[in-house]
Amino acid sequence: MTAVETYIGLGSNLGDGPSLLNQAWERLGEFEGIRLIALSGLYKTAPVDMESHHWFTNGVGKIKTDLSPPALLKTLLQTEAIFGRTRDAKSPGYQDRALDLDLLYYGDTIMNTPDLVLPHPRIGDRLFVLVPLMDLAPDHRDPVSGTTISSMEKQLNSRIKDNTSQHQEIISVNLMK
């Protein structure tokens, strides 16, 4: 299988976020079939669509992988568990977490299964994804909409300004790699 350019969202709102994200990034590079290419800048972000007093540290990583999308998802979930992520199916909505790894784009793959939707369905609604993606791939085109990351970020900021989308706070922490 040819290596596929893939983007992974990284987030943490428990513990030392920058350290956890950098450690998780390095850990991903230890898995067979994953080659690390670049990690975006890191950003402090207010929680979106959840109640929490803990801000997140977020970033996006670019990798090349010859793992299939389901195999890569399994690897991401294993990595979350290594860093203490537990999922409580009984708790409604999002929960605080030491590590969250989201498969954002897997090349131009479009898929919708019970376990995985590609591209990630909420990319266009999340500054904490779009801003770090801008660091790495502002001209990347979403395979569903055909829209560039740069255009998606501008559209979301316009919706936020017009109060047709939730306000989202994001601050660069300039702690790259």
Protein backbone atom coordinates (compact mmCIF):
# COMPACT_ATOMS: atom_id res chain seq x y z
CA MET A 1 0.00 0.00 0.00
CA THR A 2 1.24 3.49 -0.84
CA ALA A 3 1.69 5.82 2.14
CA VAL A 4 -1.23 8.22 2.49
CA GLU A 5 -0.92 11.83 3.68
CA THR A 6 -3.06 12.05 6.80
CA TYR A 7 -3.95 14.75 9.34
CA ILE A 8 -4.51 14.01 13.02
CA GLY A 9 -6.07 16.41 15.54
CA LEU A 10 -4.43 16.37 18.98
CA GLY A 11 -6.05 17.78 22.12
CA SER A 12 -5.76 17.72 25.90
CA ASN A 13 -7.46 19.59 28.71
CA LEU A 14 -6.11 17.69 31.71
CA GLY A 15 -2.52 17.90 32.90
CA ASP A 16 0.34 19.59 31.06
CA GLY A 17 -1.24 19.87 27.61
CA PRO A 18 1.82 20.95 25.59
CA SER A 19 3.95 18.20 27.12
CA LEU A 20 1.25 15.55 26.66
CA LEU A 21 0.68 16.48 23.02
CA ASN A 22 4.38 16.44 22.22
CA GLN A 23 4.81 13.08 23.98
CA ALA A 24 1.78 11.61 22.18
CA TRP A 25 3.11 12.91 18.85
CA GLU A 26 6.47 11.23 19.44
CA ARG A 27 4.71 8.02 20.54
CA LEU A 28 2.70 7.93 17.29
CA GLY A 29 5.98 7.97 15.38
CA GLU A 30 7.03 4.75 17.11
CA PHE A 31 4.23 2.72 15.51
CA GLU A 32 5.07 0.70 12.43
CA GLY A 33 3.38 2.16 9.38
CA ILE A 34 3.37 5.77 10.66
CA ARG A 35 5.93 8.38 9.59
CA LEU A 36 5.73 11.78 11.29
CA ILE A 37 5.93 14.71 8.87
CA ALA A 38 5.05 17.90 10.81
CA LEU A 39 3.32 19.12 13.94
CA SER A 40 1.50 22.45 13.91
CA GLY A 41 1.90 25.14 16.49
CA LEU A 42 0.00 24.50 19.71
CA TYR A 43 -3.00 26.56 20.77
CA LYS A 44 -4.93 27.12 23.99
CA THR A 45 -8.64 26.92 23.31
CA ALA A 46 -11.80 27.30 25.32
CA PRO A 47 -13.97 24.18 25.46
CA VAL A 48 -16.47 23.91 22.59
CA ASP A 49 -19.78 22.08 22.95
CA MET A 50 -19.00 20.95 26.51
CA GLU A 51 -19.03 22.28 30.05
CA SER A 52 -15.56 22.41 31.59
CA HIS A 53 -13.37 24.80 33.54
CA HIS A 54 -10.29 23.40 31.78
CA TRP A 55 -9.07 24.95 28.53
CA PHE A 56 -7.60 22.68 25.89
CA THR A 57 -4.22 22.57 24.25
CA ASN A 58 -4.75 21.68 20.58
CA GLY A 59 -2.63 21.02 17.54
CA VAL A 60 -2.65 19.07 14.28
CA GLY A 61 -0.11 16.58 13.05
CA LYS A 62 0.65 15.55 9.49
CA ILE A 63 1.76 11.98 8.97
CA LYS A 64 2.24 9.52 6.14
CA THR A 65 0.84 6.08 6.81
CA ASP A 66 0.32 2.78 5.08
CA LEU A 67 -2.18 1.71 7.75
CA SER A 68 -5.80 1.49 6.64
CA PRO A 69 -8.19 4.06 8.15
CA PRO A 70 -9.64 1.52 10.65
CA ALA A 71 -6.14 0.32 11.63
CA LEU A 72 -4.98 3.91 12.10
CA LEU A 73 -8.06 4.69 14.21
CA LYS A 74 -7.28 1.67 16.39
CA THR A 75 -3.71 2.95 16.82
CA LEU A 76 -5.00 6.41 17.81
CA LEU A 77 -7.36 4.89 20.39
CA GLN A 78 -4.53 2.74 21.78
CA THR A 79 -2.34 5.83 22.09
CA GLU A 80 -5.11 7.71 23.92
CA ALA A 81 -5.36 4.79 26.37
CA ILE A 82 -1.58 4.80 26.94
CA PHE A 83 -1.92 8.43 28.03
CA GLY A 84 -4.78 7.70 30.41
CA ARG A 85 -7.84 8.40 28.26
CA THR A 86 -10.92 6.63 29.50
CA ARG A 87 -14.28 6.82 27.77
CA ASP A 88 -17.41 6.73 29.89
CA ALA A 89 -20.23 5.67 27.57
CA LYS A 90 -22.75 6.44 30.33
CA SER A 91 -21.78 10.13 30.50
CA PRO A 92 -23.57 12.31 27.98
CA GLY A 93 -21.58 14.58 25.67
CA TYR A 94 -17.89 15.31 25.69
CA GLN A 95 -15.73 14.80 28.79
CA ASP A 96 -12.45 16.23 30.06
CA ARG A 97 -9.51 14.17 28.80
CA ALA A 98 -5.76 13.89 29.04
CA LEU A 99 -5.50 13.08 25.33
CA ASP A 100 -7.82 13.18 22.35
CA LEU A 101 -6.63 12.07 18.91
CA ASP A 102 -8.96 12.59 15.96
CA LEU A 103 -8.46 11.30 12.43
CA LEU A 104 -9.27 14.44 10.41
CA TYR A 105 -8.25 13.59 6.84
CA TYR A 106 -6.93 10.37 5.34
CA GLY A 107 -5.84 11.50 1.89
CA ASP A 108 -8.99 12.18 -0.11
CA THR A 109 -10.85 9.26 1.45
CA ILE A 110 -14.55 9.72 2.07
CA MET A 111 -16.16 7.09 4.29
CA ASN A 112 -19.06 6.79 6.68
CA THR A 113 -19.16 3.72 8.91
CA PRO A 114 -20.49 3.28 12.45
CA ASP A 115 -16.91 3.52 13.76
CA LEU A 116 -15.36 6.15 11.49
CA VAL A 117 -16.45 9.10 9.37
CA LEU A 118 -13.92 10.69 6.99
CA PRO A 119 -13.23 13.49 6.69
CA HIS A 120 -14.02 14.26 10.31
CA PRO A 121 -17.55 15.70 10.20
CA ARG A 122 -16.95 18.79 12.37
CA ILE A 123 -13.73 20.19 10.88
CA GLY A 124 -15.50 23.23 9.45
CA ASP A 125 -17.06 24.11 12.81
CA ARG A 126 -13.93 24.02 14.96
CA LEU A 127 -11.32 26.80 15.11
CA PHE A 128 -9.20 24.51 17.31
CA VAL A 129 -8.87 22.25 14.24
CA LEU A 130 -8.83 24.81 11.42
CA VAL A 131 -6.24 27.18 12.90
CA PRO A 132 -3.58 24.47 13.44
CA LEU A 133 -4.45 22.98 10.03
CA MET A 134 -3.72 26.43 8.58
CA ASP A 135 -0.16 26.08 9.95
CA LEU A 136 0.36 22.92 7.89
CA ALA A 137 -1.95 22.96 4.90
CA PRO A 138 -3.94 26.15 4.23
CA ASP A 139 -4.49 25.10 0.59
CA HIS A 140 -5.59 21.54 1.38
CA ARG A 141 -9.01 20.89 -0.17
CA ASP A 142 -11.69 19.09 1.77
CA PRO A 143 -12.67 16.11 -0.42
CA VAL A 144 -16.38 16.52 0.37
CA SER A 145 -16.87 20.27 -0.10
CA GLY A 146 -13.86 21.06 -2.30
CA THR A 147 -13.21 24.05 -0.01
CA THR A 148 -9.67 24.89 1.14
CA ILE A 149 -8.77 24.94 4.83
CA SER A 150 -8.09 28.67 4.49
CA SER A 151 -11.59 29.29 3.11
CA MET A 152 -13.17 27.10 5.78
CA GLU A 153 -11.39 29.07 8.52
CA LYS A 154 -12.55 32.39 7.04
CA GLN A 155 -16.12 31.11 6.70
CA LEU A 156 -16.19 29.94 10.34
CA ASN A 157 -14.77 33.23 11.61
CA SER A 158 -17.44 35.05 9.60
CA ARG A 159 -20.18 32.88 11.16
CA ILE A 160 -18.74 33.52 14.63
CA LYS A 161 -18.64 37.28 13.96
CA ASP A 162 -22.25 37.17 12.72
CA ASN A 163 -23.31 35.16 15.80
CA THR A 164 -24.51 32.29 13.62
CA SER A 165 -21.88 29.99 15.14
CA GLN A 166 -20.70 29.51 18.71
CA HIS A 167 -18.00 31.93 19.96
CA GLN A 168 -14.63 30.15 20.15
CA GLU A 169 -11.54 31.44 21.92
CA ILE A 170 -8.11 30.39 20.65
CA ILE A 171 -4.64 31.62 21.62
CA SER A 172 -1.28 30.55 20.17
CA VAL A 173 1.09 29.20 22.81
CA ASN A 174 4.12 29.16 20.47
CA LEU A 175 5.39 25.88 21.88
CA MET A 176 6.10 24.03 18.67
CA LYS A 177 7.71 20.57 18.82
